[in-house]
Amino acid sequence: MHVSLAAISAIHLGWQSGAPAPGRVSAKEARQHDLTPASITAFLLGMKSKATVFQMQRAVNEYRGEAMTAVIPGVALQQLWSIVCDCRFAR
């Protein structure tokens, strides 16, 4: 599913500090706002070639123009599970 950045901004109208403010923002009210995002905090990038995944991760992690980190979800989950399993059986 693809959702536009404006739609994501509309979904978060009326939220403050991670929780919805009292009352709801209708679709009509949302259309009256400037829904252009001020920043992007995360995005998902699909690669057609598995061979280029690690090259892209390295390029993103070494980029000095912005503070960014590339995470490969499968690798991160494997690392998390190895930590969880090691701690559980170490007792």
PDB file of N, CA and C in Angstrom:
ATOM      1  N   MET A   1       0.850  -1.157   0.000  1.00  0.00           N
ATOM      2  CA  MET A   1       0.000   0.000   0.000  1.00  0.00           C
ATOM      3  C   MET A   1       0.902   1.227   0.000  1.00  0.00           C
ATOM      4  N   HIS A   2       0.562   2.183  -0.821  1.00  0.00           N
ATOM      5  CA  HIS A   2       1.292   3.443  -0.872  1.00  0.00           C
ATOM      6  C   HIS A   2       0.394   4.550  -0.329  1.00  0.00           C
ATOM      7  N   VAL A   3       0.937   5.320   0.590  1.00  0.00           N
ATOM      8  CA  VAL A   3       0.198   6.425   1.192  1.00  0.00           C
ATOM      9  C   VAL A   3       1.030   7.680   0.984  1.00  0.00           C
ATOM     10  N   SER A   4       0.402   8.736   0.516  1.00  0.00           N
ATOM     11  CA  SER A   4       1.135   9.978   0.264  1.00  0.00           C
ATOM     12  C   SER A   4       1.578  10.615   1.582  1.00  0.00           C
ATOM     13  N   LEU A   5       2.604  11.466   1.499  1.00  0.00           N
ATOM     14  CA  LEU A   5       3.068  12.173   2.697  1.00  0.00           C
ATOM     15  C   LEU A   5       1.991  13.114   3.222  1.00  0.00           C
ATOM     16  N   ALA A   6       1.223  13.696   2.307  1.00  0.00           N
ATOM     17  CA  ALA A   6       0.121  14.569   2.736  1.00  0.00           C
ATOM     18  C   ALA A   6      -0.914  13.776   3.530  1.00  0.00           C
ATOM     19  N   ALA A   7      -1.181  12.540   3.109  1.00  0.00           N
ATOM     20  CA  ALA A   7      -2.143  11.703   3.832  1.00  0.00           C
ATOM     21  C   ALA A   7      -1.627  11.366   5.231  1.00  0.00           C
ATOM     22  N   ILE A   8      -0.355  11.069   5.346  1.00  0.00           N
ATOM     23  CA  ILE A   8       0.235  10.790   6.665  1.00  0.00           C
ATOM     24  C   ILE A   8       0.120  12.026   7.558  1.00  0.00           C
ATOM     25  N   SER A   9       0.376  13.211   6.978  1.00  0.00           N
ATOM     26  CA  SER A   9       0.228  14.450   7.748  1.00  0.00           C
ATOM     27  C   SER A   9      -1.208  14.635   8.195  1.00  0.00           C
ATOM     28  N   ALA A  10      -2.172  14.330   7.322  1.00  0.00           N
ATOM     29  CA  ALA A  10      -3.593  14.461   7.664  1.00  0.00           C
ATOM     30  C   ALA A  10      -3.973  13.511   8.795  1.00  0.00           C
ATOM     31  N   ILE A  11      -3.443  12.299   8.758  1.00  0.00           N
ATOM     32  CA  ILE A  11      -3.737  11.325   9.811  1.00  0.00           C
ATOM     33  C   ILE A  11      -3.300  11.846  11.177  1.00  0.00           C
ATOM     34  N   HIS A  12      -2.218  12.610  11.205  1.00  0.00           N
ATOM     35  CA  HIS A  12      -1.671  13.074  12.481  1.00  0.00           C
ATOM     36  C   HIS A  12      -2.174  14.448  12.910  1.00  0.00           C
ATOM     37  N   LEU A  13      -3.100  15.029  12.155  1.00  0.00           N
ATOM     38  CA  LEU A  13      -3.684  16.300  12.598  1.00  0.00           C
ATOM     39  C   LEU A  13      -4.430  16.083  13.910  1.00  0.00           C
ATOM     40  N   GLY A  14      -4.266  17.001  14.827  1.00  0.00           N
ATOM     41  CA  GLY A  14      -4.966  16.888  16.100  1.00  0.00           C
ATOM     42  C   GLY A  14      -4.230  16.061  17.133  1.00  0.00           C
ATOM     43  N   TRP A  15      -3.069  15.547  16.789  1.00  0.00           N
ATOM     44  CA  TRP A  15      -2.277  14.779  17.756  1.00  0.00           C
ATOM     45  C   TRP A  15      -1.240  15.692  18.399  1.00  0.00           C
ATOM     46  N   GLN A  16      -1.041  15.522  19.691  1.00  0.00           N
ATOM     47  CA  GLN A  16      -0.039  16.292  20.414  1.00  0.00           C
ATOM     48  C   GLN A  16       0.698  15.366  21.367  1.00  0.00           C
ATOM     49  N   SER A  17       2.000  15.396  21.334  1.00  0.00           N
ATOM     50  CA  SER A  17       2.837  14.583  22.222  1.00  0.00           C
ATOM     51  C   SER A  17       2.511  13.094  22.126  1.00  0.00           C
ATOM     52  N   GLY A  18       2.197  12.625  20.919  1.00  0.00           N
ATOM     53  CA  GLY A  18       1.974  11.205  20.717  1.00  0.00           C
ATOM     54  C   GLY A  18       0.600  10.694  21.078  1.00  0.00           C
ATOM     55  N   ALA A  19      -0.337  11.592  21.361  1.00  0.00           N
ATOM     56  CA  ALA A  19      -1.693  11.168  21.713  1.00  0.00           C
ATOM     57  C   ALA A  19      -2.700  12.086  21.024  1.00  0.00           C
ATOM     58  N   PRO A  20      -3.868  11.548  20.688  1.00  0.00           N
ATOM     59  CA  PRO A  20      -4.868  12.408  20.039  1.00  0.00           C
ATOM     60  C   PRO A  20      -5.417  13.447  21.008  1.00  0.00           C
ATOM     61  N   ALA A  21      -5.553  14.669  20.520  1.00  0.00           N
ATOM     62  CA  ALA A  21      -6.171  15.724  21.324  1.00  0.00           C
ATOM     63  C   ALA A  21      -7.677  15.489  21.348  1.00  0.00           C
ATOM     64  N   PRO A  22      -8.369  16.039  22.329  1.00  0.00           N
ATOM     65  CA  PRO A  22      -9.824  15.859  22.384  1.00  0.00           C
ATOM     66  C   PRO A  22     -10.483  16.354  21.092  1.00  0.00           C
ATOM     67  N   GLY A  23     -11.492  15.647  20.634  1.00  0.00           N
ATOM     68  CA  GLY A  23     -12.178  16.006  19.392  1.00  0.00           C
ATOM     69  C   GLY A  23     -11.521  15.334  18.202  1.00  0.00           C
ATOM     70  N   ARG A  24     -12.223  15.296  17.104  1.00  0.00           N
ATOM     71  CA  ARG A  24     -11.708  14.657  15.898  1.00  0.00           C
ATOM     72  C   ARG A  24     -11.608  15.685  14.788  1.00  0.00           C
ATOM     73  N   VAL A  25     -10.664  15.484  13.889  1.00  0.00           N
ATOM     74  CA  VAL A  25     -10.519  16.335  12.717  1.00  0.00           C
ATOM     75  C   VAL A  25     -11.180  15.608  11.555  1.00  0.00           C
ATOM     76  N   SER A  26     -12.179  16.244  10.951  1.00  0.00           N
ATOM     77  CA  SER A  26     -12.886  15.608   9.838  1.00  0.00           C
ATOM     78  C   SER A  26     -12.045  15.704   8.566  1.00  0.00           C
ATOM     79  N   ALA A  27     -12.404  14.916   7.566  1.00  0.00           N
ATOM     80  CA  ALA A  27     -11.699  14.959   6.281  1.00  0.00           C
ATOM     81  C   ALA A  27     -11.822  16.340   5.659  1.00  0.00           C
ATOM     82  N   LYS A  28     -12.983  16.964   5.781  1.00  0.00           N
ATOM     83  CA  LYS A  28     -13.196  18.312   5.241  1.00  0.00           C
ATOM     84  C   LYS A  28     -12.265  19.315   5.924  1.00  0.00           C
ATOM     85  N   GLU A  29     -12.140  19.224   7.250  1.00  0.00           N
ATOM     86  CA  GLU A  29     -11.243  20.125   7.989  1.00  0.00           C
ATOM     87  C   GLU A  29      -9.786  19.857   7.619  1.00  0.00           C
ATOM     88  N   ALA A  30      -9.429  18.601   7.425  1.00  0.00           N
ATOM     89  CA  ALA A  30      -8.052  18.250   7.076  1.00  0.00           C
ATOM     90  C   ALA A  30      -7.648  18.855   5.740  1.00  0.00           C
ATOM     91  N   ARG A  31      -8.585  18.878   4.782  1.00  0.00           N
ATOM     92  CA  ARG A  31      -8.283  19.437   3.457  1.00  0.00           C
ATOM     93  C   ARG A  31      -8.005  20.931   3.501  1.00  0.00           C
ATOM     94  N   GLN A  32      -8.419  21.609   4.560  1.00  0.00           N
ATOM     95  CA  GLN A  32      -8.201  23.050   4.690  1.00  0.00           C
ATOM     96  C   GLN A  32      -6.814  23.380   5.244  1.00  0.00           C
ATOM     97  N   HIS A  33      -6.074  22.375   5.692  1.00  0.00           N
ATOM     98  CA  HIS A  33      -4.724  22.575   6.236  1.00  0.00           C
ATOM     99  C   HIS A  33      -3.673  22.408   5.141  1.00  0.00           C
ATOM    100  N   ASP A  34      -2.516  23.028   5.349  1.00  0.00           N
ATOM    101  CA  ASP A  34      -1.361  22.764   4.498  1.00  0.00           C
ATOM    102  C   ASP A  34      -0.767  21.449   4.983  1.00  0.00           C
ATOM    103  N   LEU A  35      -0.880  20.408   4.195  1.00  0.00           N
ATOM    104  CA  LEU A  35      -0.456  19.078   4.615  1.00  0.00           C
ATOM    105  C   LEU A  35       0.946  18.735   4.129  1.00  0.00           C
ATOM    106  N   THR A  36       1.700  19.731   3.680  1.00  0.00           N
ATOM    107  CA  THR A  36       3.079  19.504   3.265  1.00  0.00           C
ATOM    108  C   THR A  36       3.912  19.213   4.503  1.00  0.00           C
ATOM    109  N   PRO A  37       4.574  18.043   4.567  1.00  0.00           N
ATOM    110  CA  PRO A  37       5.344  17.713   5.773  1.00  0.00           C
ATOM    111  C   PRO A  37       6.577  18.607   5.911  1.00  0.00           C
ATOM    112  N   ALA A  38       6.897  18.968   7.152  1.00  0.00           N
ATOM    113  CA  ALA A  38       8.085  19.783   7.425  1.00  0.00           C
ATOM    114  C   ALA A  38       9.344  18.928   7.380  1.00  0.00           C
ATOM    115  N   SER A  39       9.213  17.637   7.700  1.00  0.00           N
ATOM    116  CA  SER A  39      10.371  16.740   7.684  1.00  0.00           C
ATOM    117  C   SER A  39       9.881  15.300   7.540  1.00  0.00           C
ATOM    118  N   ILE A  40      10.812  14.430   7.192  1.00  0.00           N
ATOM    119  CA  ILE A  40      10.531  12.998   7.102  1.00  0.00           C
ATOM    120  C   ILE A  40      11.449  12.316   8.102  1.00  0.00           C
ATOM    121  N   THR A  41      10.882  11.528   8.998  1.00  0.00           N
ATOM    122  CA  THR A  41      11.697  10.873  10.027  1.00  0.00           C
ATOM    123  C   THR A  41      12.051   9.438   9.680  1.00  0.00           C
ATOM    124  N   ALA A  42      11.328   8.835   8.741  1.00  0.00           N
ATOM    125  CA  ALA A  42      11.625   7.458   8.347  1.00  0.00           C
ATOM    126  C   ALA A  42      10.976   7.167   6.998  1.00  0.00           C
ATOM    127  N   PHE A  43      11.552   6.245   6.267  1.00  0.00           N
ATOM    128  CA  PHE A  43      10.920   5.781   5.040  1.00  0.00           C
ATOM    129  C   PHE A  43      11.409   4.382   4.726  1.00  0.00           C
ATOM    130  N   LEU A  44      10.634   3.693   3.913  1.00  0.00           N
ATOM    131  CA  LEU A  44      10.949   2.326   3.520  1.00  0.00           C
ATOM    132  C   LEU A  44      11.345   2.351   2.054  1.00  0.00           C
ATOM    133  N   LEU A  45      12.474   1.760   1.745  1.00  0.00           N
ATOM    134  CA  LEU A  45      12.994   1.733   0.383  1.00  0.00           C
ATOM    135  C   LEU A  45      13.047   0.287  -0.085  1.00  0.00           C
ATOM    136  N   GLY A  46      12.421   0.005  -1.196  1.00  0.00           N
ATOM    137  CA  GLY A  46      12.470  -1.342  -1.767  1.00  0.00           C
ATOM    138  C   GLY A  46      13.563  -1.431  -2.819  1.00  0.00           C
ATOM    139  N   MET A  47      14.314  -2.492  -2.787  1.00  0.00           N
ATOM    140  CA  MET A  47      15.403  -2.692  -3.750  1.00  0.00           C
ATOM    141  C   MET A  47      15.022  -3.840  -4.684  1.00  0.00           C
ATOM    142  N   LYS A  48      15.319  -3.697  -5.969  1.00  0.00           N
ATOM    143  CA  LYS A  48      15.030  -4.764  -6.927  1.00  0.00           C
ATOM    144  C   LYS A  48      16.112  -5.840  -6.903  1.00  0.00           C
ATOM    145  N   SER A  49      17.318  -5.462  -6.515  1.00  0.00           N
ATOM    146  CA  SER A  49      18.433  -6.405  -6.508  1.00  0.00           C
ATOM    147  C   SER A  49      18.912  -6.634  -5.084  1.00  0.00           C
ATOM    148  N   LYS A  50      18.891  -7.884  -4.662  1.00  0.00           N
ATOM    149  CA  LYS A  50      19.375  -8.205  -3.313  1.00  0.00           C
ATOM    150  C   LYS A  50      20.861  -7.896  -3.170  1.00  0.00           C
ATOM    151  N   ALA A  51      21.593  -7.955  -4.260  1.00  0.00           N
ATOM    152  CA  ALA A  51      23.039  -7.717  -4.210  1.00  0.00           C
ATOM    153  C   ALA A  51      23.380  -6.273  -3.860  1.00  0.00           C
ATOM    154  N   THR A  52      22.468  -5.336  -4.122  1.00  0.00           N
ATOM    155  CA  THR A  52      22.774  -3.928  -3.867  1.00  0.00           C
ATOM    156  C   THR A  52      22.325  -3.443  -2.487  1.00  0.00           C
ATOM    157  N   VAL A  53      21.667  -4.286  -1.720  1.00  0.00           N
ATOM    158  CA  VAL A  53      21.138  -3.874  -0.413  1.00  0.00           C
ATOM    159  C   VAL A  53      22.253  -3.385   0.507  1.00  0.00           C
ATOM    160  N   PHE A  54      23.316  -4.154   0.627  1.00  0.00           N
ATOM    161  CA  PHE A  54      24.399  -3.769   1.546  1.00  0.00           C
ATOM    162  C   PHE A  54      25.180  -2.567   1.019  1.00  0.00           C
ATOM    163  N   GLN A  55      25.288  -2.428  -0.300  1.00  0.00           N
ATOM    164  CA  GLN A  55      25.936  -1.243  -0.868  1.00  0.00           C
ATOM    165  C   GLN A  55      25.139   0.014  -0.521  1.00  0.00           C
ATOM    166  N   MET A  56      23.819  -0.068  -0.646  1.00  0.00           N
ATOM    167  CA  MET A  56      22.965   1.069  -0.322  1.00  0.00           C
ATOM    168  C   MET A  56      23.029   1.386   1.170  1.00  0.00           C
ATOM    169  N   GLN A  57      23.019   0.357   2.012  1.00  0.00           N
ATOM    170  CA  GLN A  57      23.116   0.575   3.451  1.00  0.00           C
ATOM    171  C   GLN A  57      24.410   1.303   3.794  1.00  0.00           C
ATOM    172  N   ARG A  58      25.505   0.878   3.201  1.00  0.00           N
ATOM    173  CA  ARG A  58      26.790   1.517   3.473  1.00  0.00           C
ATOM    174  C   ARG A  58      26.794   2.968   2.989  1.00  0.00           C
ATOM    175  N   ALA A  59      26.251   3.216   1.796  1.00  0.00           N
ATOM    176  CA  ALA A  59      26.215   4.579   1.259  1.00  0.00           C
ATOM    177  C   ALA A  59      25.395   5.508   2.155  1.00  0.00           C
ATOM    178  N   VAL A  60      24.254   5.033   2.632  1.00  0.00           N
ATOM    179  CA  VAL A  60      23.414   5.849   3.516  1.00  0.00           C
ATOM    180  C   VAL A  60      24.118   6.092   4.843  1.00  0.00           C
ATOM    181  N   ASN A  61      24.697   5.051   5.425  1.00  0.00           N
ATOM    182  CA  ASN A  61      25.351   5.193   6.728  1.00  0.00           C
ATOM    183  C   ASN A  61      26.597   6.065   6.675  1.00  0.00           C
ATOM    184  N   GLU A  62      27.244   6.158   5.520  1.00  0.00           N
ATOM    185  CA  GLU A  62      28.453   6.983   5.393  1.00  0.00           C
ATOM    186  C   GLU A  62      28.158   8.387   4.887  1.00  0.00           C
ATOM    187  N   TYR A  63      26.919   8.689   4.532  1.00  0.00           N
ATOM    188  CA  TYR A  63      26.552  10.006   4.020  1.00  0.00           C
ATOM    189  C   TYR A  63      26.679  11.046   5.128  1.00  0.00           C
ATOM    190  N   ARG A  64      27.391  12.123   4.854  1.00  0.00           N
ATOM    191  CA  ARG A  64      27.660  13.141   5.884  1.00  0.00           C
ATOM    192  C   ARG A  64      26.732  14.352   5.808  1.00  0.00           C
ATOM    193  N   GLY A  65      25.910  14.449   4.761  1.00  0.00           N
ATOM    194  CA  GLY A  65      25.020  15.593   4.594  1.00  0.00           C
ATOM    195  C   GLY A  65      23.879  15.648   5.597  1.00  0.00           C
ATOM    196  N   GLU A  66      23.455  14.498   6.097  1.00  0.00           N
ATOM    197  CA  GLU A  66      22.373  14.391   7.072  1.00  0.00           C
ATOM    198  C   GLU A  66      22.696  13.266   8.040  1.00  0.00           C
ATOM    199  N   ALA A  67      22.118  13.330   9.212  1.00  0.00           N
ATOM    200  CA  ALA A  67      22.264  12.244  10.182  1.00  0.00           C
ATOM    201  C   ALA A  67      21.248  11.164   9.834  1.00  0.00           C
ATOM    202  N   MET A  68      21.698  10.110   9.152  1.00  0.00           N
ATOM    203  CA  MET A  68      20.802   9.044   8.724  1.00  0.00           C
ATOM    204  C   MET A  68      21.405   7.689   9.073  1.00  0.00           C
ATOM    205  N   THR A  69      20.536   6.721   9.254  1.00  0.00           N
ATOM    206  CA  THR A  69      20.955   5.345   9.491  1.00  0.00           C
ATOM    207  C   THR A  69      20.094   4.432   8.639  1.00  0.00           C
ATOM    208  N   ALA A  70      20.729   3.521   7.919  1.00  0.00           N
ATOM    209  CA  ALA A  70      19.998   2.527   7.126  1.00  0.00           C
ATOM    210  C   ALA A  70      19.919   1.237   7.932  1.00  0.00           C
ATOM    211  N   VAL A  71      18.720   0.722   8.069  1.00  0.00           N
ATOM    212  CA  VAL A  71      18.493  -0.504   8.829  1.00  0.00           C
ATOM    213  C   VAL A  71      17.871  -1.536   7.899  1.00  0.00           C
ATOM    214  N   ILE A  72      18.387  -2.744   7.931  1.00  0.00           N
ATOM    215  CA  ILE A  72      17.803  -3.846   7.188  1.00  0.00           C
ATOM    216  C   ILE A  72      16.958  -4.625   8.191  1.00  0.00           C
ATOM    217  N   PRO A  73      15.631  -4.578   8.047  1.00  0.00           N
ATOM    218  CA  PRO A  73      14.760  -5.154   9.081  1.00  0.00           C
ATOM    219  C   PRO A  73      15.064  -6.602   9.442  1.00  0.00           C
ATOM    220  N   GLY A  74      15.318  -7.453   8.469  1.00  0.00           N
ATOM    221  CA  GLY A  74      15.599  -8.860   8.764  1.00  0.00           C
ATOM    222  C   GLY A  74      16.861  -9.032   9.582  1.00  0.00           C
ATOM    223  N   VAL A  75      17.888  -8.253   9.270  1.00  0.00           N
ATOM    224  CA  VAL A  75      19.150  -8.319  10.017  1.00  0.00           C
ATOM    225  C   VAL A  75      18.945  -7.787  11.433  1.00  0.00           C
ATOM    226  N   ALA A  76      18.211  -6.687  11.562  1.00  0.00           N
ATOM    227  CA  ALA A  76      17.964  -6.109  12.890  1.00  0.00           C
ATOM    228  C   ALA A  76      17.175  -7.074  13.767  1.00  0.00           C
ATOM    229  N   LEU A  77      16.180  -7.744  13.194  1.00  0.00           N
ATOM    230  CA  LEU A  77      15.416  -8.724  13.973  1.00  0.00           C
ATOM    231  C   LEU A  77      16.279  -9.910  14.390  1.00  0.00           C
ATOM    232  N   GLN A  78      17.150 -10.352  13.498  1.00  0.00           N
ATOM    233  CA  GLN A  78      18.057 -11.450  13.847  1.00  0.00           C
ATOM    234  C   GLN A  78      18.968 -11.052  15.006  1.00  0.00           C
ATOM    235  N   GLN A  79      19.480  -9.832  14.974  1.00  0.00           N
ATOM    236  CA  GLN A  79      20.334  -9.346  16.055  1.00  0.00           C
ATOM    237  C   GLN A  79      19.553  -9.257  17.362  1.00  0.00           C
ATOM    238  N   LEU A  80      18.320  -8.750  17.277  1.00  0.00           N
ATOM    239  CA  LEU A  80      17.485  -8.659  18.474  1.00  0.00           C
ATOM    240  C   LEU A  80      17.224 -10.037  19.073  1.00  0.00           C
ATOM    241  N   TRP A  81      16.857 -10.999  18.231  1.00  0.00           N
ATOM    242  CA  TRP A  81      16.583 -12.342  18.728  1.00  0.00           C
ATOM    243  C   TRP A  81      17.824 -12.999  19.316  1.00  0.00           C
ATOM    244  N   SER A  82      18.980 -12.714  18.731  1.00  0.00           N
ATOM    245  CA  SER A  82      20.201 -13.314  19.305  1.00  0.00           C
ATOM    246  C   SER A  82      20.484 -12.746  20.695  1.00  0.00           C
ATOM    247  N   ILE A  83      20.161 -11.486  20.908  1.00  0.00           N
ATOM    248  CA  ILE A  83      20.331 -10.876  22.227  1.00  0.00           C
ATOM    249  C   ILE A  83      19.334 -11.475  23.217  1.00  0.00           C
ATOM    250  N   VAL A  84      18.077 -11.583  22.800  1.00  0.00           N
ATOM    251  CA  VAL A  84      17.031 -12.126  23.662  1.00  0.00           C
ATOM    252  C   VAL A  84      17.338 -13.568  24.034  1.00  0.00           C
ATOM    253  N   CYS A  85      17.723 -14.370  23.062  1.00  0.00           N
ATOM    254  CA  CYS A  85      18.014 -15.774  23.333  1.00  0.00           C
ATOM    255  C   CYS A  85      19.237 -15.937  24.223  1.00  0.00           C
ATOM    256  N   ASP A  86      20.281 -15.140  23.991  1.00  0.00           N
ATOM    257  CA  ASP A  86      21.480 -15.228  24.815  1.00  0.00           C
ATOM    258  C   ASP A  86      21.191 -14.877  26.267  1.00  0.00           C
ATOM    259  N   CYS A  87      20.373 -13.845  26.489  1.00  0.00           N
ATOM    260  CA  CYS A  87      20.062 -13.413  27.856  1.00  0.00           C
ATOM    261  C   CYS A  87      19.189 -14.444  28.561  1.00  0.00           C
ATOM    262  N   ARG A  88      18.258 -15.026  27.852  1.00  0.00           N
ATOM    263  CA  ARG A  88      17.325 -15.955  28.466  1.00  0.00           C
ATOM    264  C   ARG A  88      18.023 -17.239  28.914  1.00  0.00           C
ATOM    265  N   PHE A  89      18.988 -17.738  28.116  1.00  0.00           N
ATOM    266  CA  PHE A  89      19.636 -18.995  28.433  1.00  0.00           C
ATOM    267  C   PHE A  89      20.917 -18.823  29.251  1.00  0.00           C
ATOM    268  N   ALA A  90      21.314 -17.589  29.536  1.00  0.00           N
ATOM    269  CA  ALA A  90      22.555 -17.348  30.268  1.00  0.00           C
ATOM    270  C   ALA A  90      22.385 -17.565  31.777  1.00  0.00           C
ATOM    271  N   ARG A  91      21.174 -17.683  32.248  1.00  0.00           N
ATOM    272  CA  ARG A  91      20.923 -17.803  33.687  1.00  0.00           C
ATOM    273  C   ARG A  91      21.306 -19.126  34.224  1.00  0.00           C
TER     274      ARG A  91
END
